Amino acid sequence: MDRSPDEPRVPRRRLHLTLLFSLVLCAFSSAPAQQYRFRNYTVDDGLSQLVVQVVFQDRDGFIWIGTQAGLNRYDGHQFDVCSIRDGPASDRISAITQDPAGRIWIGTNGGLSVREGSAFKSYTREDGLLDPQVLSLAADDRGRIWIGTQSGLWRRDDTGFREIGDSAVHALLNDGAGRLWVGTGQGLLRQQGDGPLVPFTAGGLHRKRAIRIARDTRQHVWVLPEDGVRAHKDSQLVSAQTLSDVLEGMPRPIQMPSSATASAPSVSTSTTPNDGGQSQ
């Protein structure tokens, strides 16, 4: 798919940081001796496009993959593709989350969509979401949907959309312990329950742009600023890695025979020998 001149590009540095962030989560969330096997998926396997922007696993184990050319759901055997013709507000999918009722919410560059069963409903400027360029999503324990956009933070509940803040929100996370984490262009914020959003500065994060936030299986919250990676648990810093630390500490790739090397770009999933292939 060709990019139109007015569509924003993902900065190369941010893309590289995000890839490193994913590798660090794999490395530090697993046992030291754990081995991974990789399988690549391409359009030949049914994926709608190779430019993957977000991957999300729902509570039923389905893998949702957002690309620049549609929404994909993978059931372990095949891809089910939904395009703008099927209901999403746009084919450029940037964020995915699931609310407590099991509905899948999809952020796009043209608005917010929700899938309940096989039906979609979309929300745009006409519905009160004044910035339809969605960058991130999270659902809280009360079923409210938090929406990060280039112009600020929004929240949707039964009464409609409400603007909460006016700084670009690149990342959102409900950590499962009643806390909402908000990664903005001016630093990391955190909300406990229904309390206010307050700056979170532990680990040298004061006023540093938070590009990605994730939670691992040990309940560590990982934050990606532009100068490295931080991990927190119960508000305490438990790991801090600079970019140099990350690069030096990553395991060396296994050299594969040339006949086994894929010749085209693709999507990869990793599984461990005993885990059933689930990853986030």
C-alpha atoms as a PDB file:
ATOM      1  CA  MET A   1       0.000   0.000   0.000  1.00  0.00           C
ATOM      2  CA  ASP A   2       1.404   3.391  -0.966  1.00  0.00           C
ATOM      3  CA  ARG A   3       1.623   6.092   1.697  1.00  0.00           C
ATOM      4  CA  SER A   4      -0.069   9.379   0.929  1.00  0.00           C
ATOM      5  CA  PRO A   5       2.083  12.516   1.431  1.00  0.00           C
ATOM      6  CA  ASP A   6       0.101  13.726   4.442  1.00  0.00           C
ATOM      7  CA  GLU A   7       0.198  10.483   6.434  1.00  0.00           C
ATOM      8  CA  PRO A   8       2.582  10.516   9.393  1.00  0.00           C
ATOM      9  CA  ARG A   9       5.676   8.336   9.243  1.00  0.00           C
ATOM     10  CA  VAL A  10       6.911   6.300  12.195  1.00  0.00           C
ATOM     11  CA  PRO A  11      10.333   7.750  13.114  1.00  0.00           C
ATOM     12  CA  ARG A  12      13.088   5.204  12.431  1.00  0.00           C
ATOM     13  CA  ARG A  13      14.549   5.680  15.936  1.00  0.00           C
ATOM     14  CA  ARG A  14      11.159   4.959  17.550  1.00  0.00           C
ATOM     15  CA  LEU A  15      10.760   1.826  15.427  1.00  0.00           C
ATOM     16  CA  HIS A  16      14.198   0.586  16.483  1.00  0.00           C
ATOM     17  CA  LEU A  17      13.445   1.301  20.157  1.00  0.00           C
ATOM     18  CA  THR A  18      10.156  -0.584  19.933  1.00  0.00           C
ATOM     19  CA  LEU A  19      11.866  -3.618  18.430  1.00  0.00           C
ATOM     20  CA  LEU A  20      14.480  -3.549  21.199  1.00  0.00           C
ATOM     21  CA  PHE A  21      11.704  -3.215  23.785  1.00  0.00           C
ATOM     22  CA  SER A  22      10.048  -6.380  22.475  1.00  0.00           C
ATOM     23  CA  LEU A  23      13.324  -8.298  22.593  1.00  0.00           C
ATOM     24  CA  VAL A  24      14.048  -7.166  26.145  1.00  0.00           C
ATOM     25  CA  LEU A  25      10.606  -8.307  27.329  1.00  0.00           C
ATOM     26  CA  CYS A  26      11.242 -11.734  25.821  1.00  0.00           C
ATOM     27  CA  ALA A  27      14.678 -11.964  27.394  1.00  0.00           C
ATOM     28  CA  PHE A  28      13.827 -10.776  30.905  1.00  0.00           C
ATOM     29  CA  SER A  29      10.365 -12.345  31.242  1.00  0.00           C
ATOM     30  CA  SER A  30      11.654 -15.871  30.624  1.00  0.00           C
ATOM     31  CA  ALA A  31      13.797 -18.373  32.440  1.00  0.00           C
ATOM     32  CA  PRO A  32      17.482 -18.050  31.482  1.00  0.00           C
ATOM     33  CA  ALA A  33      17.635 -21.482  29.830  1.00  0.00           C
ATOM     34  CA  GLN A  34      14.340 -21.182  27.977  1.00  0.00           C
ATOM     35  CA  GLN A  35      14.564 -21.672  24.236  1.00  0.00           C
ATOM     36  CA  TYR A  36      12.287 -20.227  21.579  1.00  0.00           C
ATOM     37  CA  ARG A  37      11.230 -21.469  18.198  1.00  0.00           C
ATOM     38  CA  PHE A  38      10.122 -18.981  15.552  1.00  0.00           C
ATOM     39  CA  ARG A  39       7.703 -19.350  12.695  1.00  0.00           C
ATOM     40  CA  ASN A  40       7.211 -16.641  10.087  1.00  0.00           C
ATOM     41  CA  TYR A  41       3.834 -15.640   8.654  1.00  0.00           C
ATOM     42  CA  THR A  42       3.414 -13.686   5.431  1.00  0.00           C
ATOM     43  CA  VAL A  43       0.630 -12.746   3.058  1.00  0.00           C
ATOM     44  CA  ASP A  44       1.024 -16.255   1.615  1.00  0.00           C
ATOM     45  CA  ASP A  45      -0.382 -17.556   4.912  1.00  0.00           C
ATOM     46  CA  GLY A  46      -3.361 -15.194   4.768  1.00  0.00           C
ATOM     47  CA  LEU A  47      -1.995 -12.139   6.607  1.00  0.00           C
ATOM     48  CA  SER A  48      -3.495  -9.004   5.080  1.00  0.00           C
ATOM     49  CA  GLN A  49      -0.185  -7.109   4.898  1.00  0.00           C
ATOM     50  CA  LEU A  50       3.398  -7.295   6.166  1.00  0.00           C
ATOM     51  CA  VAL A  51       3.517  -3.895   7.946  1.00  0.00           C
ATOM     52  CA  VAL A  52       2.351  -4.913  11.419  1.00  0.00           C
ATOM     53  CA  GLN A  53       1.642  -2.034  13.804  1.00  0.00           C
ATOM     54  CA  VAL A  54       0.119  -3.814  16.817  1.00  0.00           C
ATOM     55  CA  VAL A  55      -0.331  -7.354  18.156  1.00  0.00           C
ATOM     56  CA  PHE A  56      -2.823  -8.214  20.923  1.00  0.00           C
ATOM     57  CA  GLN A  57      -3.945 -11.480  22.513  1.00  0.00           C
ATOM     58  CA  ASP A  58      -7.503 -11.604  23.856  1.00  0.00           C
ATOM     59  CA  ARG A  59      -8.774 -13.611  26.817  1.00  0.00           C
ATOM     60  CA  ASP A  60      -9.834 -16.488  24.566  1.00  0.00           C
ATOM     61  CA  GLY A  61      -6.323 -16.824  23.158  1.00  0.00           C
ATOM     62  CA  PHE A  62      -6.984 -15.308  19.721  1.00  0.00           C
ATOM     63  CA  ILE A  63      -4.163 -13.170  18.315  1.00  0.00           C
ATOM     64  CA  TRP A  64      -5.294  -9.852  16.818  1.00  0.00           C
ATOM     65  CA  ILE A  65      -2.879  -8.207  14.396  1.00  0.00           C
ATOM     66  CA  GLY A  66      -3.281  -4.649  13.175  1.00  0.00           C
ATOM     67  CA  THR A  67      -1.594  -3.719   9.910  1.00  0.00           C
ATOM     68  CA  GLN A  68      -1.707  -0.798   7.516  1.00  0.00           C
ATOM     69  CA  ALA A  69      -4.150  -2.802   5.397  1.00  0.00           C
ATOM     70  CA  GLY A  70      -6.660  -4.332   7.761  1.00  0.00           C
ATOM     71  CA  LEU A  71      -7.359  -6.160  11.007  1.00  0.00           C
ATOM     72  CA  ASN A  72      -6.371  -9.837  11.302  1.00  0.00           C
ATOM     73  CA  ARG A  73      -7.493 -12.451  13.824  1.00  0.00           C
ATOM     74  CA  TYR A  74      -5.380 -15.593  14.087  1.00  0.00           C
ATOM     75  CA  ASP A  75      -6.825 -18.723  15.723  1.00  0.00           C
ATOM     76  CA  GLY A  76      -3.689 -20.828  15.582  1.00  0.00           C
ATOM     77  CA  HIS A  77      -4.505 -22.190  12.153  1.00  0.00           C
ATOM     78  CA  GLN A  78      -5.646 -19.393   9.853  1.00  0.00           C
ATOM     79  CA  PHE A  79      -6.135 -15.629   9.579  1.00  0.00           C
ATOM     80  CA  ASP A  80      -9.555 -13.990   9.490  1.00  0.00           C
ATOM     81  CA  VAL A  81      -9.170 -10.552   7.861  1.00  0.00           C
ATOM     82  CA  CYS A  82     -11.482  -7.568   8.390  1.00  0.00           C
ATOM     83  CA  SER A  83     -11.134  -4.481   6.218  1.00  0.00           C
ATOM     84  CA  ILE A  84     -12.898  -1.125   6.196  1.00  0.00           C
ATOM     85  CA  ARG A  85     -15.624  -2.786   4.130  1.00  0.00           C
ATOM     86  CA  ASP A  86     -16.421  -5.025   7.092  1.00  0.00           C
ATOM     87  CA  GLY A  87     -16.790  -2.223   9.610  1.00  0.00           C
ATOM     88  CA  PRO A  88     -13.550  -0.789  11.114  1.00  0.00           C
ATOM     89  CA  ALA A  89     -13.217   2.981  10.783  1.00  0.00           C
ATOM     90  CA  SER A  90     -10.030   2.579   8.727  1.00  0.00           C
ATOM     91  CA  ASP A  91      -7.705  -0.120   7.429  1.00  0.00           C
ATOM     92  CA  ARG A  92      -4.709   1.445   9.230  1.00  0.00           C
ATOM     93  CA  ILE A  93      -4.879  -0.239  12.647  1.00  0.00           C
ATOM     94  CA  SER A  94      -2.763   1.336  15.401  1.00  0.00           C
ATOM     95  CA  ALA A  95      -4.090  -0.046  18.718  1.00  0.00           C
ATOM     96  CA  ILE A  96      -6.197  -2.936  20.049  1.00  0.00           C
ATOM     97  CA  THR A  97      -7.612  -3.726  23.494  1.00  0.00           C
ATOM     98  CA  GLN A  98     -10.417  -5.733  25.135  1.00  0.00           C
ATOM     99  CA  ASP A  99     -12.900  -4.503  27.716  1.00  0.00           C
ATOM    100  CA  PRO A 100     -14.275  -6.504  30.693  1.00  0.00           C
ATOM    101  CA  ALA A 101     -17.350  -7.447  28.619  1.00  0.00           C
ATOM    102  CA  GLY A 102     -15.122  -9.135  26.049  1.00  0.00           C
ATOM    103  CA  ARG A 103     -15.540  -6.575  23.279  1.00  0.00           C
ATOM    104  CA  ILE A 104     -12.537  -5.823  21.079  1.00  0.00           C
ATOM    105  CA  TRP A 105     -11.734  -2.126  20.615  1.00  0.00           C
ATOM    106  CA  ILE A 106      -9.688  -1.057  17.601  1.00  0.00           C
ATOM    107  CA  GLY A 107      -7.860   2.254  17.208  1.00  0.00           C
ATOM    108  CA  THR A 108      -7.255   3.480  13.674  1.00  0.00           C
ATOM    109  CA  ASN A 109      -6.128   6.626  11.902  1.00  0.00           C
ATOM    110  CA  GLY A 110      -9.776   7.340  11.128  1.00  0.00           C
ATOM    111  CA  GLY A 111     -11.444   6.808  14.481  1.00  0.00           C
ATOM    112  CA  LEU A 112     -12.304   4.220  17.130  1.00  0.00           C
ATOM    113  CA  SER A 113     -14.138   0.972  16.387  1.00  0.00           C
ATOM    114  CA  VAL A 114     -15.542  -1.781  18.588  1.00  0.00           C
ATOM    115  CA  ARG A 115     -16.266  -5.355  17.590  1.00  0.00           C
ATOM    116  CA  GLU A 116     -18.938  -7.268  19.489  1.00  0.00           C
ATOM    117  CA  GLY A 117     -19.497 -10.706  18.043  1.00  0.00           C
ATOM    118  CA  SER A 118     -19.109 -10.164  14.312  1.00  0.00           C
ATOM    119  CA  ALA A 119     -20.560  -6.639  14.227  1.00  0.00           C
ATOM    120  CA  PHE A 120     -18.580  -3.383  14.240  1.00  0.00           C
ATOM    121  CA  LYS A 121     -19.498   0.096  15.422  1.00  0.00           C
ATOM    122  CA  SER A 122     -17.261   3.098  14.796  1.00  0.00           C
ATOM    123  CA  TYR A 123     -16.860   6.468  16.523  1.00  0.00           C
ATOM    124  CA  THR A 124     -15.408   9.566  14.852  1.00  0.00           C
ATOM    125  CA  ARG A 125     -15.558  13.345  15.208  1.00  0.00           C
ATOM    126  CA  GLU A 126     -19.318  13.295  14.725  1.00  0.00           C
ATOM    127  CA  ASP A 127     -19.620  11.149  17.860  1.00  0.00           C
ATOM    128  CA  GLY A 128     -17.455  13.428  20.009  1.00  0.00           C
ATOM    129  CA  LEU A 129     -13.980  11.973  19.451  1.00  0.00           C
ATOM    130  CA  LEU A 130     -12.494  15.175  18.095  1.00  0.00           C
ATOM    131  CA  ASP A 131      -9.113  13.635  17.265  1.00  0.00           C
ATOM    132  CA  PRO A 132      -9.696  10.407  15.292  1.00  0.00           C
ATOM    133  CA  GLN A 133      -5.949   9.655  14.975  1.00  0.00           C
ATOM    134  CA  VAL A 134      -5.787   6.961  17.665  1.00  0.00           C
ATOM    135  CA  LEU A 135      -2.299   6.031  18.911  1.00  0.00           C
ATOM    136  CA  SER A 136      -3.041   3.815  21.934  1.00  0.00           C
ATOM    137  CA  LEU A 137      -5.904   2.172  23.844  1.00  0.00           C
ATOM    138  CA  ALA A 138      -6.637   0.663  27.247  1.00  0.00           C
ATOM    139  CA  ALA A 139      -9.771  -0.544  29.011  1.00  0.00           C
ATOM    140  CA  ASP A 140     -10.053  -0.081  32.766  1.00  0.00           C
ATOM    141  CA  ASP A 141     -11.778  -2.382  35.244  1.00  0.00           C
ATOM    142  CA  ARG A 142     -15.005  -0.372  35.020  1.00  0.00           C
ATOM    143  CA  GLY A 143     -15.225  -0.844  31.267  1.00  0.00           C
ATOM    144  CA  ARG A 144     -14.219   2.690  30.368  1.00  0.00           C
ATOM    145  CA  ILE A 145     -12.066   3.021  27.270  1.00  0.00           C
ATOM    146  CA  TRP A 146      -9.011   5.257  27.423  1.00  0.00           C
ATOM    147  CA  ILE A 147      -7.878   6.618  24.077  1.00  0.00           C
ATOM    148  CA  GLY A 148      -4.477   8.116  23.366  1.00  0.00           C
ATOM    149  CA  THR A 149      -4.294  10.477  20.405  1.00  0.00           C
ATOM    150  CA  GLN A 150      -1.789  12.913  18.990  1.00  0.00           C
ATOM    151  CA  SER A 151      -3.664  15.814  20.558  1.00  0.00           C
ATOM    152  CA  GLY A 152      -4.339  14.282  23.977  1.00  0.00           C
ATOM    153  CA  LEU A 153      -6.019  11.690  26.191  1.00  0.00           C
ATOM    154  CA  TRP A 154      -9.701  10.836  25.876  1.00  0.00           C
ATOM    155  CA  ARG A 155     -12.018   8.604  27.885  1.00  0.00           C
ATOM    156  CA  ARG A 156     -15.214   6.971  26.710  1.00  0.00           C
ATOM    157  CA  ASP A 157     -17.953   5.747  29.038  1.00  0.00           C
ATOM    158  CA  ASP A 158     -21.721   5.392  28.839  1.00  0.00           C
ATOM    159  CA  THR A 159     -22.127   9.163  28.616  1.00  0.00           C
ATOM    160  CA  GLY A 160     -19.821   9.621  25.636  1.00  0.00           C
ATOM    161  CA  PHE A 161     -16.311  10.976  25.083  1.00  0.00           C
ATOM    162  CA  ARG A 162     -14.452  13.260  27.463  1.00  0.00           C
ATOM    163  CA  GLU A 163     -11.098  14.927  26.895  1.00  0.00           C
ATOM    164  CA  ILE A 164      -8.771  14.329  29.862  1.00  0.00           C
ATOM    165  CA  GLY A 165      -5.450  15.843  28.781  1.00  0.00           C
ATOM    166  CA  ASP A 166      -3.884  17.730  25.894  1.00  0.00           C
ATOM    167  CA  SER A 167      -0.452  16.060  25.560  1.00  0.00           C
ATOM    168  CA  ALA A 168       0.147  13.386  22.916  1.00  0.00           C
ATOM    169  CA  VAL A 169      -0.372   9.906  24.397  1.00  0.00           C
ATOM    170  CA  HIS A 170       1.821   7.229  22.824  1.00  0.00           C
ATOM    171  CA  ALA A 171       1.111   4.343  25.212  1.00  0.00           C
ATOM    172  CA  LEU A 172      -1.559   3.151  27.663  1.00  0.00           C
ATOM    173  CA  LEU A 173      -1.664   0.200  30.057  1.00  0.00           C
ATOM    174  CA  ASN A 174      -4.093  -1.185  32.618  1.00  0.00           C
ATOM    175  CA  ASP A 175      -1.706  -3.134  34.856  1.00  0.00           C
ATOM    176  CA  GLY A 176      -4.393  -5.398  36.329  1.00  0.00           C
ATOM    177  CA  ALA A 177      -3.898  -3.966  39.816  1.00  0.00           C
ATOM    178  CA  GLY A 178      -6.244  -1.007  39.501  1.00  0.00           C
ATOM    179  CA  ARG A 179      -3.665   1.328  37.993  1.00  0.00           C
ATOM    180  CA  LEU A 180      -3.694   3.047  34.622  1.00  0.00           C
ATOM    181  CA  TRP A 181      -0.326   4.009  33.107  1.00  0.00           C
ATOM    182  CA  VAL A 182      -0.189   6.785  30.528  1.00  0.00           C
ATOM    183  CA  GLY A 183       2.865   7.408  28.372  1.00  0.00           C
ATOM    184  CA  THR A 184       2.923  10.965  27.060  1.00  0.00           C
ATOM    185  CA  GLY A 185       5.305  13.204  25.195  1.00  0.00           C
ATOM    186  CA  GLN A 186       6.066  14.974  28.471  1.00  0.00           C
ATOM    187  CA  GLY A 187       6.552  11.994  30.764  1.00  0.00           C
ATOM    188  CA  LEU A 188       4.839   9.025  32.391  1.00  0.00           C
ATOM    189  CA  LEU A 189       1.585   9.427  34.344  1.00  0.00           C
ATOM    190  CA  ARG A 190      -0.225   6.968  36.588  1.00  0.00           C
ATOM    191  CA  GLN A 191      -3.730   6.812  37.997  1.00  0.00           C
ATOM    192  CA  GLN A 192      -4.684   4.708  41.021  1.00  0.00           C
ATOM    193  CA  GLY A 193      -8.360   3.736  40.926  1.00  0.00           C
ATOM    194  CA  ASP A 194     -10.432   6.875  40.373  1.00  0.00           C
ATOM    195  CA  GLY A 195      -7.719   9.188  41.645  1.00  0.00           C
ATOM    196  CA  PRO A 196      -6.002  11.868  39.589  1.00  0.00           C
ATOM    197  CA  LEU A 197      -3.355  11.253  36.970  1.00  0.00           C
ATOM    198  CA  VAL A 198      -0.043  12.054  38.630  1.00  0.00           C
ATOM    199  CA  PRO A 199       3.523  12.043  37.267  1.00  0.00           C
ATOM    200  CA  PHE A 200       5.495   8.846  37.850  1.00  0.00           C
ATOM    201  CA  THR A 201       9.183   9.709  38.056  1.00  0.00           C
ATOM    202  CA  ALA A 202      10.864   6.686  39.661  1.00  0.00           C
ATOM    203  CA  GLY A 203      13.874   5.380  37.764  1.00  0.00           C
ATOM    204  CA  GLY A 204      14.774   8.708  36.207  1.00  0.00           C
ATOM    205  CA  LEU A 205      11.578   9.023  34.164  1.00  0.00           C
ATOM    206  CA  HIS A 206      10.885  12.660  35.016  1.00  0.00           C
ATOM    207  CA  ARG A 207       9.571  14.414  31.893  1.00  0.00           C
ATOM    208  CA  LYS A 208      10.923  11.693  29.586  1.00  0.00           C
ATOM    209  CA  ARG A 209       8.701  10.714  26.695  1.00  0.00           C
ATOM    210  CA  ALA A 210       7.282   7.224  27.271  1.00  0.00           C
ATOM    211  CA  ILE A 211       6.990   5.481  23.917  1.00  0.00           C
ATOM    212  CA  ARG A 212       5.792   2.022  25.013  1.00  0.00           C
ATOM    213  CA  ILE A 213       4.445   0.418  28.203  1.00  0.00           C
ATOM    214  CA  ALA A 214       3.954  -3.311  28.776  1.00  0.00           C
ATOM    215  CA  ARG A 215       3.431  -5.817  31.593  1.00  0.00           C
ATOM    216  CA  ASP A 216       5.182  -9.170  31.828  1.00  0.00           C
ATOM    217  CA  THR A 217       4.077 -12.435  33.442  1.00  0.00           C
ATOM    218  CA  ARG A 218       5.802 -11.469  36.714  1.00  0.00           C
ATOM    219  CA  GLN A 219       3.671  -8.311  36.957  1.00  0.00           C
ATOM    220  CA  HIS A 220       6.587  -6.023  36.136  1.00  0.00           C
ATOM    221  CA  VAL A 221       5.575  -2.861  34.300  1.00  0.00           C
ATOM    222  CA  TRP A 222       8.124  -2.066  31.588  1.00  0.00           C
ATOM    223  CA  VAL A 223       8.495   1.471  30.270  1.00  0.00           C
ATOM    224  CA  LEU A 224      10.388   2.502  27.153  1.00  0.00           C
ATOM    225  CA  PRO A 225      11.697   6.072  27.207  1.00  0.00           C
ATOM    226  CA  GLU A 226      14.135   7.116  24.508  1.00  0.00           C
ATOM    227  CA  ASP A 227      17.280   6.384  26.516  1.00  0.00           C
ATOM    228  CA  GLY A 228      16.678   2.762  27.545  1.00  0.00           C
ATOM    229  CA  VAL A 229      14.244   0.451  29.343  1.00  0.00           C
ATOM    230  CA  ARG A 230      12.884   0.555  32.917  1.00  0.00           C
ATOM    231  CA  ALA A 231      11.000  -2.130  34.861  1.00  0.00           C
ATOM    232  CA  HIS A 232       8.911  -1.401  37.960  1.00  0.00           C
ATOM    233  CA  LYS A 233       7.009  -3.567  40.427  1.00  0.00           C
ATOM    234  CA  ASP A 234       4.852  -2.158  43.206  1.00  0.00           C
ATOM    235  CA  SER A 235       6.145   1.323  42.334  1.00  0.00           C
ATOM    236  CA  GLN A 236       9.754   0.260  42.872  1.00  0.00           C
ATOM    237  CA  LEU A 237      12.402   0.274  40.161  1.00  0.00           C
ATOM    238  CA  VAL A 238      13.630  -3.310  39.662  1.00  0.00           C
ATOM    239  CA  SER A 239      15.594  -2.988  36.423  1.00  0.00           C
ATOM    240  CA  ALA A 240      17.117  -0.184  34.400  1.00  0.00           C
ATOM    241  CA  GLN A 241      18.849  -0.801  31.095  1.00  0.00           C
ATOM    242  CA  THR A 242      20.428   1.743  28.794  1.00  0.00           C
ATOM    243  CA  LEU A 243      20.357   1.091  25.073  1.00  0.00           C
ATOM    244  CA  SER A 244      24.006   0.026  25.258  1.00  0.00           C
ATOM    245  CA  ASP A 245      23.190  -2.406  28.091  1.00  0.00           C
ATOM    246  CA  VAL A 246      20.376  -3.892  26.051  1.00  0.00           C
ATOM    247  CA  LEU A 247      22.461  -4.382  22.937  1.00  0.00           C
ATOM    248  CA  GLU A 248      25.412  -5.865  24.830  1.00  0.00           C
ATOM    249  CA  GLY A 249      23.233  -8.179  26.893  1.00  0.00           C
ATOM    250  CA  MET A 250      21.069  -9.643  24.149  1.00  0.00           C
ATOM    251  CA  PRO A 251      21.882 -13.223  23.140  1.00  0.00           C
ATOM    252  CA  ARG A 252      23.585 -13.741  19.800  1.00  0.00           C
ATOM    253  CA  PRO A 253      21.307 -14.998  17.027  1.00  0.00           C
ATOM    254  CA  ILE A 254      21.631 -18.631  16.027  1.00  0.00           C
ATOM    255  CA  GLN A 255      23.130 -18.998  12.568  1.00  0.00           C
ATOM    256  CA  MET A 256      20.652 -20.837  10.380  1.00  0.00           C
ATOM    257  CA  PRO A 257      21.538 -22.666   7.154  1.00  0.00           C
ATOM    258  CA  SER A 258      21.021 -20.469   4.121  1.00  0.00           C
ATOM    259  CA  SER A 259      18.350 -22.830   2.814  1.00  0.00           C
ATOM    260  CA  ALA A 260      16.293 -22.227   5.965  1.00  0.00           C
ATOM    261  CA  THR A 261      16.493 -18.444   5.840  1.00  0.00           C
ATOM    262  CA  ALA A 262      13.373 -16.654   4.659  1.00  0.00           C
ATOM    263  CA  SER A 263      13.933 -14.493   1.609  1.00  0.00           C
ATOM    264  CA  ALA A 264      11.089 -12.055   2.266  1.00  0.00           C
ATOM    265  CA  PRO A 265       9.979  -9.946   5.254  1.00  0.00           C
ATOM    266  CA  SER A 266       7.288 -11.494   7.391  1.00  0.00           C
ATOM    267  CA  VAL A 267       5.553 -11.583  10.745  1.00  0.00           C
ATOM    268  CA  SER A 268       7.144 -13.844  13.342  1.00  0.00           C
ATOM    269  CA  THR A 269       5.645 -15.517  16.369  1.00  0.00           C
ATOM    270  CA  SER A 270       7.657 -17.262  19.045  1.00  0.00           C
ATOM    271  CA  THR A 271       6.767 -20.289  21.089  1.00  0.00           C
ATOM    272  CA  THR A 272       8.548 -22.166  23.799  1.00  0.00           C
ATOM    273  CA  PRO A 273       8.795 -25.956  23.721  1.00  0.00           C
ATOM    274  CA  ASN A 274       6.049 -26.379  26.344  1.00  0.00           C
ATOM    275  CA  ASP A 275       3.914 -23.249  26.330  1.00  0.00           C
ATOM    276  CA  GLY A 276       1.313 -23.596  23.593  1.00  0.00           C
ATOM    277  CA  GLY A 277       2.545 -20.564  21.707  1.00  0.00           C
ATOM    278  CA  GLN A 278       0.808 -17.803  23.662  1.00  0.00           C
ATOM    279  CA  SER A 279       2.584 -14.446  23.770  1.00  0.00           C
ATOM    280  CA  GLN A 280       1.730 -10.815  24.313  1.00  0.00           C
END
